Every structure is written in structure tokens, then in C-alpha cells.
C-alpha atoms as a PDB file:
ATOM      1  CA  MET A   1     142.350 114.255  54.853  1.00  0.00           C
ATOM      2  CA  THR A   2     145.686 115.508  56.123  1.00  0.00           C
ATOM      3  CA  ASN A   3     146.333 115.815  59.844  1.00  0.00           C
ATOM      4  CA  SER A   4     147.986 118.982  61.085  1.00  0.00           C
ATOM      5  CA  SER A   5     151.289 118.400  62.746  1.00  0.00           C
ATOM      6  CA  ASP A   6     151.889 119.956  66.137  1.00  0.00           C
ATOM      7  CA  SER A   7     154.334 122.383  64.531  1.00  0.00           C
ATOM      8  CA  GLU A   8     151.525 123.821  62.338  1.00  0.00           C
ATOM      9  CA  VAL A   9     149.261 124.626  65.293  1.00  0.00           C
ATOM     10  CA  LEU A  10     149.856 127.947  67.013  1.00  0.00           C
ATOM     11  CA  LYS A  11     150.058 127.162  70.716  1.00  0.00           C
ATOM     12  CA  GLU A  12     151.031 130.483  72.258  1.00  0.00           C
ATOM     13  CA  LEU A  13     150.336 134.153  71.683  1.00  0.00           C
ATOM     14  CA  LYS A  14     152.826 136.862  72.583  1.00  0.00           C
ATOM     15  CA  LEU A  15     150.800 139.816  73.861  1.00  0.00           C
ATOM     16  CA  THR A  16     152.629 143.049  74.593  1.00  0.00           C
ATOM     17  CA  PHE A  17     151.444 145.754  76.981  1.00  0.00           C
ATOM     18  CA  GLY A  18     153.799 148.697  77.335  1.00  0.00           C
ATOM     19  CA  GLU A  19     157.280 147.202  77.172  1.00  0.00           C
ATOM     20  CA  GLN A  20     156.337 143.858  78.735  1.00  0.00           C
ATOM     21  CA  GLU A  21     155.541 140.767  76.674  1.00  0.00           C
ATOM     22  CA  TYR A  22     153.265 138.069  78.088  1.00  0.00           C
ATOM     23  CA  ALA A  23     152.972 134.517  76.784  1.00  0.00           C
ATOM     24  CA  VAL A  24     149.341 133.419  76.591  1.00  0.00           C
ATOM     25  CA  PRO A  25     148.421 129.851  75.643  1.00  0.00           C
ATOM     26  CA  VAL A  26     146.048 129.503  72.709  1.00  0.00           C
ATOM     27  CA  LEU A  27     142.877 127.868  73.972  1.00  0.00           C
ATOM     28  CA  ARG A  28     142.085 124.379  72.785  1.00  0.00           C
ATOM     29  CA  SER A  29     138.767 123.590  71.131  1.00  0.00           C
ATOM     30  CA  ILE A  30     136.422 123.211  74.125  1.00  0.00           C
ATOM     31  CA  PRO A  31     137.675 126.199  76.176  1.00  0.00           C
ATOM     32  CA  ALA A  32     137.858 128.246  72.944  1.00  0.00           C
ATOM     33  CA  ALA A  33     134.203 127.416  72.216  1.00  0.00           C
ATOM     34  CA  LYS A  34     133.274 128.521  75.745  1.00  0.00           C
ATOM     35  CA  TRP A  35     135.204 131.789  75.244  1.00  0.00           C
ATOM     36  CA  ARG A  36     133.443 132.443  71.917  1.00  0.00           C
ATOM     37  CA  GLU A  37     130.115 131.898  73.665  1.00  0.00           C
ATOM     38  CA  GLU A  38     131.130 134.387  76.367  1.00  0.00           C
ATOM     39  CA  TYR A  39     132.392 136.730  73.654  1.00  0.00           C
ATOM     40  CA  PHE A  40     128.993 136.794  71.946  1.00  0.00           C
ATOM     41  CA  THR A  41     127.191 137.222  75.260  1.00  0.00           C
ATOM     42  CA  LEU A  42     129.399 140.170  76.243  1.00  0.00           C
ATOM     43  CA  ASN A  43     129.119 141.832  72.879  1.00  0.00           C
ATOM     44  CA  ASN A  44     125.483 142.026  71.911  1.00  0.00           C
ATOM     45  CA  GLU A  45     125.825 145.840  71.946  1.00  0.00           C
ATOM     46  CA  LEU A  46     128.765 145.633  69.565  1.00  0.00           C
ATOM     47  CA  PHE A  47     126.952 143.466  67.080  1.00  0.00           C
ATOM     48  CA  ASP A  48     124.020 145.857  67.024  1.00  0.00           C
ATOM     49  CA  ALA A  49     126.490 148.614  66.096  1.00  0.00           C
ATOM     50  CA  MET A  50     128.084 146.688  63.199  1.00  0.00           C
ATOM     51  CA  PRO A  51     127.042 147.192  59.571  1.00  0.00           C
ATOM     52  CA  ALA A  52     124.444 144.738  58.300  1.00  0.00           C
ATOM     53  CA  GLN A  53     126.075 144.115  54.890  1.00  0.00           C
ATOM     54  CA  PHE A  54     129.619 143.690  53.678  1.00  0.00           C
ATOM     55  CA  GLU A  55     130.947 144.112  50.173  1.00  0.00           C
ATOM     56  CA  GLN A  56     132.823 141.152  48.671  1.00  0.00           C
ATOM     57  CA  GLU A  57     131.285 138.696  51.136  1.00  0.00           C
ATOM     58  CA  HIS A  58     132.052 135.873  48.679  1.00  0.00           C
ATOM     59  CA  ASP A  59     135.784 136.384  49.291  1.00  0.00           C
ATOM     60  CA  PRO A  60     136.778 134.911  52.711  1.00  0.00           C
ATOM     61  CA  GLN A  61     139.770 137.259  53.082  1.00  0.00           C
ATOM     62  CA  ALA A  62     137.707 140.334  52.207  1.00  0.00           C
ATOM     63  CA  LEU A  63     134.947 139.120  54.539  1.00  0.00           C
ATOM     64  CA  ALA A  64     137.437 138.607  57.374  1.00  0.00           C
ATOM     65  CA  LYS A  65     138.833 142.093  56.814  1.00  0.00           C
ATOM     66  CA  ALA A  66     135.345 143.665  56.682  1.00  0.00           C
ATOM     67  CA  ILE A  67     134.236 141.867  59.840  1.00  0.00           C
ATOM     68  CA  GLY A  68     137.448 142.838  61.604  1.00  0.00           C
ATOM     69  CA  ARG A  69     137.087 146.492  60.581  1.00  0.00           C
ATOM     70  CA  GLY A  70     133.407 146.542  61.532  1.00  0.00           C
ATOM     71  CA  LEU A  71     134.151 144.917  64.858  1.00  0.00           C
ATOM     72  CA  MET A  72     137.013 147.278  65.631  1.00  0.00           C
ATOM     73  CA  GLY A  73     134.819 150.247  64.677  1.00  0.00           C
ATOM     74  CA  ALA A  74     132.084 149.004  66.974  1.00  0.00           C
ATOM     75  CA  MET A  75     134.621 148.459  69.738  1.00  0.00           C
ATOM     76  CA  LEU A  76     135.705 152.081  69.475  1.00  0.00           C
ATOM     77  CA  ARG A  77     132.282 152.882  70.860  1.00  0.00           C
ATOM     78  CA  PHE A  78     132.798 150.430  73.748  1.00  0.00           C
ATOM     79  CA  PRO A  79     136.538 150.490  74.584  1.00  0.00           C
ATOM     80  CA  GLU A  80     136.115 148.850  77.991  1.00  0.00           C
ATOM     81  CA  LYS A  81     135.151 145.616  76.206  1.00  0.00           C
ATOM     82  CA  LEU A  82     138.666 145.004  74.863  1.00  0.00           C
ATOM     83  CA  PRO A  83     140.440 144.517  78.196  1.00  0.00           C
ATOM     84  CA  ALA A  84     137.505 142.449  79.496  1.00  0.00           C
ATOM     85  CA  LEU A  85     137.691 140.143  76.478  1.00  0.00           C
ATOM     86  CA  ILE A  86     141.465 139.865  76.678  1.00  0.00           C
ATOM     87  CA  PHE A  87     141.403 138.922  80.350  1.00  0.00           C
ATOM     88  CA  SER A  88     138.546 136.474  79.817  1.00  0.00           C
ATOM     89  CA  TYR A  89     140.547 134.718  77.086  1.00  0.00           C
ATOM     90  CA  ALA A  90     143.781 134.841  79.079  1.00  0.00           C
ATOM     91  CA  PRO A  91     143.014 134.387  82.788  1.00  0.00           C
ATOM     92  CA  SER A  92     146.757 134.020  83.414  1.00  0.00           C
ATOM     93  CA  LEU A  93     147.001 137.779  82.788  1.00  0.00           C
ATOM     94  CA  ILE A  94     144.626 138.640  85.639  1.00  0.00           C
ATOM     95  CA  GLU A  95     147.418 138.483  88.202  1.00  0.00           C
ATOM     96  CA  HIS A  96     149.197 141.159  86.110  1.00  0.00           C
ATOM     97  CA  LYS A  97     146.077 143.262  85.534  1.00  0.00           C
ATOM     98  CA  GLU A  98     147.239 146.306  87.511  1.00  0.00           C
ATOM     99  CA  GLU A  99     150.696 146.424  85.932  1.00  0.00           C
ATOM    100  CA  ILE A 100     149.147 145.915  82.477  1.00  0.00           C
ATOM    101  CA  ALA A 101     146.633 148.725  83.079  1.00  0.00           C
ATOM    102  CA  ALA A 102     149.441 151.040  84.222  1.00  0.00           C
ATOM    103  CA  ALA A 103     151.709 150.249  81.253  1.00  0.00           C
ATOM    104  CA  ALA A 104     149.307 149.545  78.374  1.00  0.00           C
ATOM    105  CA  TYR A 105     148.501 151.874  75.537  1.00  0.00           C
ATOM    106  CA  ASP A 106     145.139 151.606  73.776  1.00  0.00           C
ATOM    107  CA  ARG A 107     146.961 150.183  70.774  1.00  0.00           C
ATOM    108  CA  ASP A 108     148.330 147.369  72.964  1.00  0.00           C
ATOM    109  CA  TYR A 109     144.773 146.315  73.772  1.00  0.00           C
ATOM    110  CA  THR A 110     143.608 146.495  70.159  1.00  0.00           C
ATOM    111  CA  ARG A 111     146.651 144.592  68.886  1.00  0.00           C
ATOM    112  CA  SER A 112     146.313 141.921  71.585  1.00  0.00           C
ATOM    113  CA  PHE A 113     142.616 141.526  70.941  1.00  0.00           C
ATOM    114  CA  ALA A 114     143.243 141.215  67.191  1.00  0.00           C
ATOM    115  CA  GLN A 115     145.680 138.360  67.889  1.00  0.00           C
ATOM    116  CA  ILE A 116     143.119 136.615  70.101  1.00  0.00           C
ATOM    117  CA  TRP A 117     140.306 137.191  67.604  1.00  0.00           C
ATOM    118  CA  GLN A 118     142.420 135.712  64.839  1.00  0.00           C
ATOM    119  CA  VAL A 119     143.068 132.402  66.621  1.00  0.00           C
ATOM    120  CA  ALA A 120     139.504 132.228  67.958  1.00  0.00           C
ATOM    121  CA  PHE A 121     137.604 132.974  64.729  1.00  0.00           C
ATOM    122  CA  GLU A 122     139.763 132.897  61.619  1.00  0.00           C
ATOM    123  CA  PRO A 123     139.682 129.087  61.289  1.00  0.00           C
ATOM    124  CA  PHE A 124     135.942 129.369  60.647  1.00  0.00           C
ATOM    125  CA  LEU A 125     135.982 132.178  58.081  1.00  0.00           C
ATOM    126  CA  ALA A 126     136.947 130.013  55.094  1.00  0.00           C
ATOM    127  CA  SER A 127     134.058 127.683  55.917  1.00  0.00           C
ATOM    128  CA  LEU A 128     131.717 130.644  56.299  1.00  0.00           C
ATOM    129  CA  GLY A 129     132.757 131.951  52.872  1.00  0.00           C
ATOM    130  CA  MET A 130     132.171 128.525  51.339  1.00  0.00           C
ATOM    131  CA  ILE A 131     128.719 128.232  52.963  1.00  0.00           C
ATOM    132  CA  MET A 132     127.744 131.706  51.744  1.00  0.00           C
ATOM    133  CA  GLU A 133     128.896 130.833  48.205  1.00  0.00           C
ATOM    134  CA  MET A 134     126.911 127.570  48.269  1.00  0.00           C
ATOM    135  CA  GLN A 135     123.828 129.425  49.451  1.00  0.00           C
ATOM    136  CA  ARG A 136     124.228 132.008  46.702  1.00  0.00           C
ATOM    137  CA  SER A 137     124.604 129.338  44.022  1.00  0.00           C
ATOM    138  CA  GLN A 138     121.455 127.557  45.271  1.00  0.00           C
ATOM    139  CA  VAL A 139     119.480 130.789  45.087  1.00  0.00           C
ATOM    140  CA  ALA A 140     120.831 131.467  41.596  1.00  0.00           C
ATOM    141  CA  ARG A 141     119.966 127.936  40.426  1.00  0.00           C
ATOM    142  CA  ALA A 142     116.491 127.852  42.006  1.00  0.00           C
ATOM    143  CA  PRO A 143     114.638 129.660  39.166  1.00  0.00           C
ATOM    144  CA  SER A 144     116.170 127.382  36.529  1.00  0.00           C
ATOM    145  CA  LEU A 145     115.137 124.271  38.484  1.00  0.00           C
ATOM    146  CA  LYS A 146     111.468 125.341  38.442  1.00  0.00           C
ATOM    147  CA  HIS A 147     111.385 124.662  34.690  1.00  0.00           C
ATOM    148  CA  LEU A 148     112.160 121.004  35.348  1.00  0.00           C
ATOM    149  CA  ASN A 149     108.827 120.399  37.136  1.00  0.00           C
END
């Protein structure tokens, strides 16, 4: 197994609201896990609004794109969730909340959230694709294994 060097690990996000750029540290494993837990708690409504099936779920990139599109579509129904999720991931931005709210465009929030979502979830998508493929191959093999008994 190869260890990642520090240079390969993204340590800071550059989030832009209006004309101002803010540096936000990427959360390490334990705080990131706590944020993902909060994310799922805050977004039960969103998940209920997402489609139940995705085409090309065996392809991790297609799955990531479908989940991202579904999530963004669901978030269009609940736009107040984006700023809440951004500020919960980046508490250092809270002191700038008023200036961000005054300067930000909706696209700034969606772009910033997409950056956060990517560092918080993308590392797991390849594994999810692999697990789904393994499950599919087990289901496909199951009928042929019955003949061995």
C-alpha cells in the first residue's frame, strides 16, 4: 500500500462569495465524519426528494455525477440548506456571515457547497462503486451456485 504524501492531500478550499475569496481548511477525518453525520441529519428532507435509482450505477464517475445532480436538484427545493451546510463545515466563515450574505450570489453558495461535498464524499464513491459491483456479481452468480448443491 502506498502512503499519500502531504502534497497529494488537499488541505484548503478557496470559497468565493461575491468578489471575496475565503480560505477554508479541509476537515480531517474525525471532524469530517462528524460533519457528514450532521449533513445527513440536516438533510433527511433532501434525501426523500432524490430519485431512488440512478442509471450507470456501476460506473463510480457516473454515479458521482448522478448523485451530485440529484442532490443539487433536491437542494433547489430547499435553498436555505446550502448556506447552513457551508457554515457548519466552515465555522471560520461565521464571523463573515453578514458580509457573505450581502455579497453572495446563489451560484457562489452552490459552487462552494460542491467543493465541500467533493472533499467530504468523493473519496468514498470509488469504494461504493466497487461494493455495488461486488454485490451485483454475487447476485448474478447465485443461481449458478445452486447447481453445485
